[in-house]
């Protein structure tokens, strides 16, 4: 599941996610928009915070889908 999908499903804002993960809202936005990939320590936090709904591979799989669509 993509992070953006998780936030929408749980009715959470990027600001709430940022606070829960201990990062800035801008960083959450850059992850969601595919501008940056979370560092391994942040991927671990995301996985734990989302109770395994968002996996590290989800960030890479999303990138692969973008390449196929181009």
PDB file of N, CA and C in Angstrom:
ATOM      1  N   UNK A   1       0.852  -1.178   0.000  1.00  0.00           N
ATOM      2  CA  UNK A   1       0.000   0.000   0.000  1.00  0.00           C
ATOM      3  C   UNK A   1       0.892   1.234   0.000  1.00  0.00           C
ATOM      4  N   UNK A   2       0.525   2.203  -0.794  1.00  0.00           N
ATOM      5  CA  UNK A   2       1.276   3.450  -0.832  1.00  0.00           C
ATOM      6  C   UNK A   2       0.976   4.290   0.411  1.00  0.00           C
ATOM      7  N   UNK A   3       1.945   5.086   0.819  1.00  0.00           N
ATOM      8  CA  UNK A   3       1.769   5.933   1.996  1.00  0.00           C
ATOM      9  C   UNK A   3       0.578   6.864   1.817  1.00  0.00           C
ATOM     10  N   UNK A   4       0.437   7.432   0.639  1.00  0.00           N
ATOM     11  CA  UNK A   4      -0.683   8.332   0.370  1.00  0.00           C
ATOM     12  C   UNK A   4      -2.020   7.604   0.544  1.00  0.00           C
ATOM     13  N   UNK A   5      -2.103   6.368   0.075  1.00  0.00           N
ATOM     14  CA  UNK A   5      -3.332   5.576   0.227  1.00  0.00           C
ATOM     15  C   UNK A   5      -3.621   5.309   1.701  1.00  0.00           C
ATOM     16  N   UNK A   6      -2.558   5.003   2.453  1.00  0.00           N
ATOM     17  CA  UNK A   6      -2.726   4.739   3.886  1.00  0.00           C
ATOM     18  C   UNK A   6      -3.282   5.965   4.597  1.00  0.00           C
ATOM     19  N   UNK A   7      -2.707   7.136   4.308  1.00  0.00           N
ATOM     20  CA  UNK A   7      -3.168   8.361   4.954  1.00  0.00           C
ATOM     21  C   UNK A   7      -4.628   8.626   4.613  1.00  0.00           C
ATOM     22  N   UNK A   8      -4.984   8.434   3.365  1.00  0.00           N
ATOM     23  CA  UNK A   8      -6.371   8.665   2.949  1.00  0.00           C
ATOM     24  C   UNK A   8      -7.315   7.685   3.638  1.00  0.00           C
ATOM     25  N   UNK A   9      -6.921   6.412   3.677  1.00  0.00           N
ATOM     26  CA  UNK A   9      -7.757   5.377   4.303  1.00  0.00           C
ATOM     27  C   UNK A   9      -7.988   5.655   5.787  1.00  0.00           C
ATOM     28  N   UNK A  10      -6.951   6.146   6.452  1.00  0.00           N
ATOM     29  CA  UNK A  10      -7.031   6.412   7.889  1.00  0.00           C
ATOM     30  C   UNK A  10      -7.471   7.840   8.201  1.00  0.00           C
ATOM     31  N   UNK A  11      -7.748   8.616   7.151  1.00  0.00           N
ATOM     32  CA  UNK A  11      -8.170  10.003   7.304  1.00  0.00           C
ATOM     33  C   UNK A  11      -7.142  10.821   8.099  1.00  0.00           C
ATOM     34  N   UNK A  12      -5.879  10.678   7.705  1.00  0.00           N
ATOM     35  CA  UNK A  12      -4.776  11.377   8.351  1.00  0.00           C
ATOM     36  C   UNK A  12      -4.177  12.395   7.391  1.00  0.00           C
ATOM     37  N   UNK A  13      -3.636  13.455   7.940  1.00  0.00           N
ATOM     38  CA  UNK A  13      -2.968  14.462   7.124  1.00  0.00           C
ATOM     39  C   UNK A  13      -1.470  14.169   7.063  1.00  0.00           C
ATOM     40  N   UNK A  14      -0.816  14.818   6.121  1.00  0.00           N
ATOM     41  CA  UNK A  14       0.638  14.701   6.046  1.00  0.00           C
ATOM     42  C   UNK A  14       1.279  15.250   7.320  1.00  0.00           C
ATOM     43  N   UNK A  15       0.698  16.284   7.878  1.00  0.00           N
ATOM     44  CA  UNK A  15       1.226  16.865   9.125  1.00  0.00           C
ATOM     45  C   UNK A  15       1.139  15.864  10.275  1.00  0.00           C
ATOM     46  N   UNK A  16       0.033  15.150  10.352  1.00  0.00           N
ATOM     47  CA  UNK A  16      -0.114  14.142  11.409  1.00  0.00           C
ATOM     48  C   UNK A  16       0.899  13.022  11.223  1.00  0.00           C
ATOM     49  N   UNK A  17       1.110  12.613   9.984  1.00  0.00           N
ATOM     50  CA  UNK A  17       2.098  11.566   9.706  1.00  0.00           C
ATOM     51  C   UNK A  17       3.492  12.057  10.075  1.00  0.00           C
ATOM     52  N   UNK A  18       3.799  13.287   9.704  1.00  0.00           N
ATOM     53  CA  UNK A  18       5.114  13.854  10.013  1.00  0.00           C
ATOM     54  C   UNK A  18       5.366  13.881  11.512  1.00  0.00           C
ATOM     55  N   UNK A  19       4.370  14.299  12.255  1.00  0.00           N
ATOM     56  CA  UNK A  19       4.508  14.351  13.718  1.00  0.00           C
ATOM     57  C   UNK A  19       4.726  12.955  14.288  1.00  0.00           C
ATOM     58  N   UNK A  20       3.957  12.001  13.819  1.00  0.00           N
ATOM     59  CA  UNK A  20       4.066  10.626  14.325  1.00  0.00           C
ATOM     60  C   UNK A  20       5.418  10.002  13.984  1.00  0.00           C
ATOM     61  N   UNK A  21       5.971  10.370  12.827  1.00  0.00           N
ATOM     62  CA  UNK A  21       7.233   9.774  12.374  1.00  0.00           C
ATOM     63  C   UNK A  21       8.453  10.599  12.757  1.00  0.00           C
ATOM     64  N   UNK A  22       8.230  11.787  13.304  1.00  0.00           N
ATOM     65  CA  UNK A  22       9.344  12.620  13.743  1.00  0.00           C
ATOM     66  C   UNK A  22      10.123  13.247  12.598  1.00  0.00           C
ATOM     67  N   UNK A  23       9.406  13.585  11.520  1.00  0.00           N
ATOM     68  CA  UNK A  23      10.039  14.239  10.372  1.00  0.00           C
ATOM     69  C   UNK A  23       9.202  15.459   9.996  1.00  0.00           C
ATOM     70  N   UNK A  24       9.695  16.234   9.060  1.00  0.00           N
ATOM     71  CA  UNK A  24       8.954  17.402   8.603  1.00  0.00           C
ATOM     72  C   UNK A  24       7.882  17.030   7.593  1.00  0.00           C
ATOM     73  N   UNK A  25       6.857  17.873   7.503  1.00  0.00           N
ATOM     74  CA  UNK A  25       5.770  17.627   6.557  1.00  0.00           C
ATOM     75  C   UNK A  25       6.283  17.652   5.126  1.00  0.00           C
ATOM     76  N   UNK A  26       7.253  18.487   4.843  1.00  0.00           N
ATOM     77  CA  UNK A  26       7.823  18.571   3.501  1.00  0.00           C
ATOM     78  C   UNK A  26       8.453  17.263   3.061  1.00  0.00           C
ATOM     79  N   UNK A  27       9.042  16.562   4.018  1.00  0.00           N
ATOM     80  CA  UNK A  27       9.648  15.267   3.705  1.00  0.00           C
ATOM     81  C   UNK A  27       8.572  14.237   3.380  1.00  0.00           C
ATOM     82  N   UNK A  28       7.489  14.244   4.140  1.00  0.00           N
ATOM     83  CA  UNK A  28       6.358  13.350   3.851  1.00  0.00           C
ATOM     84  C   UNK A  28       5.860  13.621   2.432  1.00  0.00           C
ATOM     85  N   UNK A  29       5.699  14.879   2.096  1.00  0.00           N
ATOM     86  CA  UNK A  29       5.237  15.267   0.774  1.00  0.00           C
ATOM     87  C   UNK A  29       6.179  14.762  -0.315  1.00  0.00           C
ATOM     88  N   UNK A  30       7.473  14.888  -0.095  1.00  0.00           N
ATOM     89  CA  UNK A  30       8.437  14.445  -1.111  1.00  0.00           C
ATOM     90  C   UNK A  30       8.412  12.927  -1.275  1.00  0.00           C
ATOM     91  N   UNK A  31       8.133  12.188  -0.203  1.00  0.00           N
ATOM     92  CA  UNK A  31       7.989  10.733  -0.323  1.00  0.00           C
ATOM     93  C   UNK A  31       6.751  10.393  -1.136  1.00  0.00           C
ATOM     94  N   UNK A  32       5.650  11.046  -0.812  1.00  0.00           N
ATOM     95  CA  UNK A  32       4.375  10.773  -1.485  1.00  0.00           C
ATOM     96  C   UNK A  32       4.454  11.124  -2.969  1.00  0.00           C
ATOM     97  N   UNK A  33       5.122  12.223  -3.287  1.00  0.00           N
ATOM     98  CA  UNK A  33       5.228  12.663  -4.671  1.00  0.00           C
ATOM     99  C   UNK A  33       6.325  11.946  -5.454  1.00  0.00           C
ATOM    100  N   UNK A  34       7.034  11.042  -4.794  1.00  0.00           N
ATOM    101  CA  UNK A  34       8.075  10.278  -5.466  1.00  0.00           C
ATOM    102  C   UNK A  34       9.338  11.059  -5.758  1.00  0.00           C
ATOM    103  N   UNK A  35       9.503  12.182  -5.080  1.00  0.00           N
ATOM    104  CA  UNK A  35      10.693  13.005  -5.286  1.00  0.00           C
ATOM    105  C   UNK A  35      11.896  12.448  -4.524  1.00  0.00           C
ATOM    106  N   UNK A  36      11.611  11.784  -3.422  1.00  0.00           N
ATOM    107  CA  UNK A  36      12.667  11.192  -2.591  1.00  0.00           C
ATOM    108  C   UNK A  36      12.185   9.866  -2.046  1.00  0.00           C
ATOM    109  N   UNK A  37      13.130   9.008  -1.731  1.00  0.00           N
ATOM    110  CA  UNK A  37      12.819   7.756  -1.042  1.00  0.00           C
ATOM    111  C   UNK A  37      13.193   7.913   0.421  1.00  0.00           C
ATOM    112  N   UNK A  38      12.392   7.342   1.308  1.00  0.00           N
ATOM    113  CA  UNK A  38      12.755   7.402   2.730  1.00  0.00           C
ATOM    114  C   UNK A  38      14.061   6.652   2.982  1.00  0.00           C
ATOM    115  N   UNK A  39      14.841   7.160   3.892  1.00  0.00           N
ATOM    116  CA  UNK A  39      16.051   6.457   4.320  1.00  0.00           C
ATOM    117  C   UNK A  39      15.622   5.180   5.051  1.00  0.00           C
ATOM    118  N   UNK A  40      16.517   4.209   5.130  1.00  0.00           N
ATOM    119  CA  UNK A  40      16.151   2.936   5.776  1.00  0.00           C
ATOM    120  C   UNK A  40      15.547   3.094   7.173  1.00  0.00           C
ATOM    121  N   UNK A  41      16.083   3.999   7.975  1.00  0.00           N
ATOM    122  CA  UNK A  41      15.542   4.165   9.334  1.00  0.00           C
ATOM    123  C   UNK A  41      14.120   4.724   9.295  1.00  0.00           C
ATOM    124  N   UNK A  42      13.828   5.576   8.308  1.00  0.00           N
ATOM    125  CA  UNK A  42      12.477   6.105   8.175  1.00  0.00           C
ATOM    126  C   UNK A  42      11.525   5.065   7.580  1.00  0.00           C
ATOM    127  N   UNK A  43      12.043   4.230   6.698  1.00  0.00           N
ATOM    128  CA  UNK A  43      11.206   3.145   6.168  1.00  0.00           C
ATOM    129  C   UNK A  43      10.763   2.221   7.302  1.00  0.00           C
ATOM    130  N   UNK A  44      11.672   1.973   8.217  1.00  0.00           N
ATOM    131  CA  UNK A  44      11.346   1.125   9.365  1.00  0.00           C
ATOM    132  C   UNK A  44      10.260   1.785  10.221  1.00  0.00           C
ATOM    133  N   UNK A  45      10.393   3.093  10.453  1.00  0.00           N
ATOM    134  CA  UNK A  45       9.382   3.829  11.227  1.00  0.00           C
ATOM    135  C   UNK A  45       8.020   3.783  10.535  1.00  0.00           C
ATOM    136  N   UNK A  46       8.020   3.978   9.211  1.00  0.00           N
ATOM    137  CA  UNK A  46       6.770   3.965   8.446  1.00  0.00           C
ATOM    138  C   UNK A  46       6.114   2.600   8.555  1.00  0.00           C
ATOM    139  N   UNK A  47       6.901   1.562   8.387  1.00  0.00           N
ATOM    140  CA  UNK A  47       6.387   0.190   8.469  1.00  0.00           C
ATOM    141  C   UNK A  47       5.764  -0.070   9.831  1.00  0.00           C
ATOM    142  N   UNK A  48       6.456   0.326  10.881  1.00  0.00           N
ATOM    143  CA  UNK A  48       5.943   0.114  12.242  1.00  0.00           C
ATOM    144  C   UNK A  48       4.713   0.968  12.513  1.00  0.00           C
ATOM    145  N   UNK A  49       4.770   2.233  12.119  1.00  0.00           N
ATOM    146  CA  UNK A  49       3.662   3.159  12.374  1.00  0.00           C
ATOM    147  C   UNK A  49       2.390   2.725  11.655  1.00  0.00           C
ATOM    148  N   UNK A  50       2.542   2.207  10.439  1.00  0.00           N
ATOM    149  CA  UNK A  50       1.377   1.778   9.665  1.00  0.00           C
ATOM    150  C   UNK A  50       0.994   0.325   9.958  1.00  0.00           C
ATOM    151  N   UNK A  51       1.651  -0.266  10.934  1.00  0.00           N
ATOM    152  CA  UNK A  51       1.400  -1.663  11.308  1.00  0.00           C
ATOM    153  C   UNK A  51       1.513  -2.574  10.092  1.00  0.00           C
ATOM    154  N   UNK A  52       2.607  -2.397   9.357  1.00  0.00           N
ATOM    155  CA  UNK A  52       2.974  -3.202   8.186  1.00  0.00           C
ATOM    156  C   UNK A  52       2.103  -2.970   6.957  1.00  0.00           C
ATOM    157  N   UNK A  53       1.216  -1.989   6.981  1.00  0.00           N
ATOM    158  CA  UNK A  53       0.385  -1.714   5.804  1.00  0.00           C
ATOM    159  C   UNK A  53       1.225  -1.121   4.671  1.00  0.00           C
ATOM    160  N   UNK A  54       2.191  -0.276   5.025  1.00  0.00           N
ATOM    161  CA  UNK A  54       3.097   0.310   4.036  1.00  0.00           C
ATOM    162  C   UNK A  54       4.459  -0.339   4.242  1.00  0.00           C
ATOM    163  N   UNK A  55       4.922  -1.025   3.213  1.00  0.00           N
ATOM    164  CA  UNK A  55       6.193  -1.735   3.259  1.00  0.00           C
ATOM    165  C   UNK A  55       7.264  -0.952   2.499  1.00  0.00           C
ATOM    166  N   UNK A  56       8.532  -1.138   2.839  1.00  0.00           N
ATOM    167  CA  UNK A  56       9.595  -0.453   2.097  1.00  0.00           C
ATOM    168  C   UNK A  56       9.509  -0.675   0.585  1.00  0.00           C
ATOM    169  N   UNK A  57       9.198  -1.885   0.160  1.00  0.00           N
ATOM    170  CA  UNK A  57       9.114  -2.163  -1.275  1.00  0.00           C
ATOM    171  C   UNK A  57       8.039  -1.346  -1.965  1.00  0.00           C
ATOM    172  N   UNK A  58       7.028  -0.907  -1.244  1.00  0.00           N
ATOM    173  CA  UNK A  58       5.956  -0.121  -1.849  1.00  0.00           C
ATOM    174  C   UNK A  58       6.501   1.161  -2.475  1.00  0.00           C
ATOM    175  N   UNK A  59       7.538   1.723  -1.899  1.00  0.00           N
ATOM    176  CA  UNK A  59       8.135   2.936  -2.449  1.00  0.00           C
ATOM    177  C   UNK A  59       8.841   2.631  -3.769  1.00  0.00           C
ATOM    178  N   UNK A  60       9.473   1.476  -3.857  1.00  0.00           N
ATOM    179  CA  UNK A  60      10.179   1.090  -5.074  1.00  0.00           C
ATOM    180  C   UNK A  60       9.214   0.617  -6.152  1.00  0.00           C
ATOM    181  N   UNK A  61       8.184  -0.124  -5.757  1.00  0.00           N
ATOM    182  CA  UNK A  61       7.217  -0.615  -6.724  1.00  0.00           C
ATOM    183  C   UNK A  61       6.490   0.540  -7.384  1.00  0.00           C
ATOM    184  N   UNK A  62       6.197   1.590  -6.632  1.00  0.00           N
ATOM    185  CA  UNK A  62       5.538   2.767  -7.185  1.00  0.00           C
ATOM    186  C   UNK A  62       6.421   3.389  -8.266  1.00  0.00           C
ATOM    187  N   UNK A  63       7.708   3.449  -8.042  1.00  0.00           N
ATOM    188  CA  UNK A  63       8.644   3.999  -9.018  1.00  0.00           C
ATOM    189  C   UNK A  63       8.637   3.161 -10.291  1.00  0.00           C
ATOM    190  N   UNK A  64       8.595   1.845 -10.145  1.00  0.00           N
ATOM    191  CA  UNK A  64       8.578   0.948 -11.300  1.00  0.00           C
ATOM    192  C   UNK A  64       7.316   1.160 -12.127  1.00  0.00           C
ATOM    193  N   UNK A  65       6.177   1.364 -11.465  1.00  0.00           N
ATOM    194  CA  UNK A  65       4.926   1.595 -12.175  1.00  0.00           C
ATOM    195  C   UNK A  65       4.989   2.886 -12.978  1.00  0.00           C
ATOM    196  N   UNK A  66       5.620   3.907 -12.419  1.00  0.00           N
ATOM    197  CA  UNK A  66       5.764   5.188 -13.123  1.00  0.00           C
ATOM    198  C   UNK A  66       6.567   5.000 -14.392  1.00  0.00           C
ATOM    199  N   UNK A  67       7.639   4.184 -14.333  1.00  0.00           N
ATOM    200  CA  UNK A  67       8.473   3.940 -15.501  1.00  0.00           C
ATOM    201  C   UNK A  67       7.686   3.228 -16.594  1.00  0.00           C
ATOM    202  N   UNK A  68       6.831   2.288 -16.207  1.00  0.00           N
ATOM    203  CA  UNK A  68       6.041   1.541 -17.184  1.00  0.00           C
ATOM    204  C   UNK A  68       5.028   2.441 -17.871  1.00  0.00           C
ATOM    205  N   UNK A  69       4.469   3.396 -17.122  1.00  0.00           N
ATOM    206  CA  UNK A  69       3.447   4.287 -17.669  1.00  0.00           C
ATOM    207  C   UNK A  69       4.039   5.337 -18.615  1.00  0.00           C
ATOM    208  N   UNK A  70       5.333   5.597 -18.490  1.00  0.00           N
ATOM    209  CA  UNK A  70       5.970   6.659 -19.293  1.00  0.00           C
ATOM    210  C   UNK A  70       6.182   6.240 -20.744  1.00  0.00           C
TER     211      UNK A  70
END
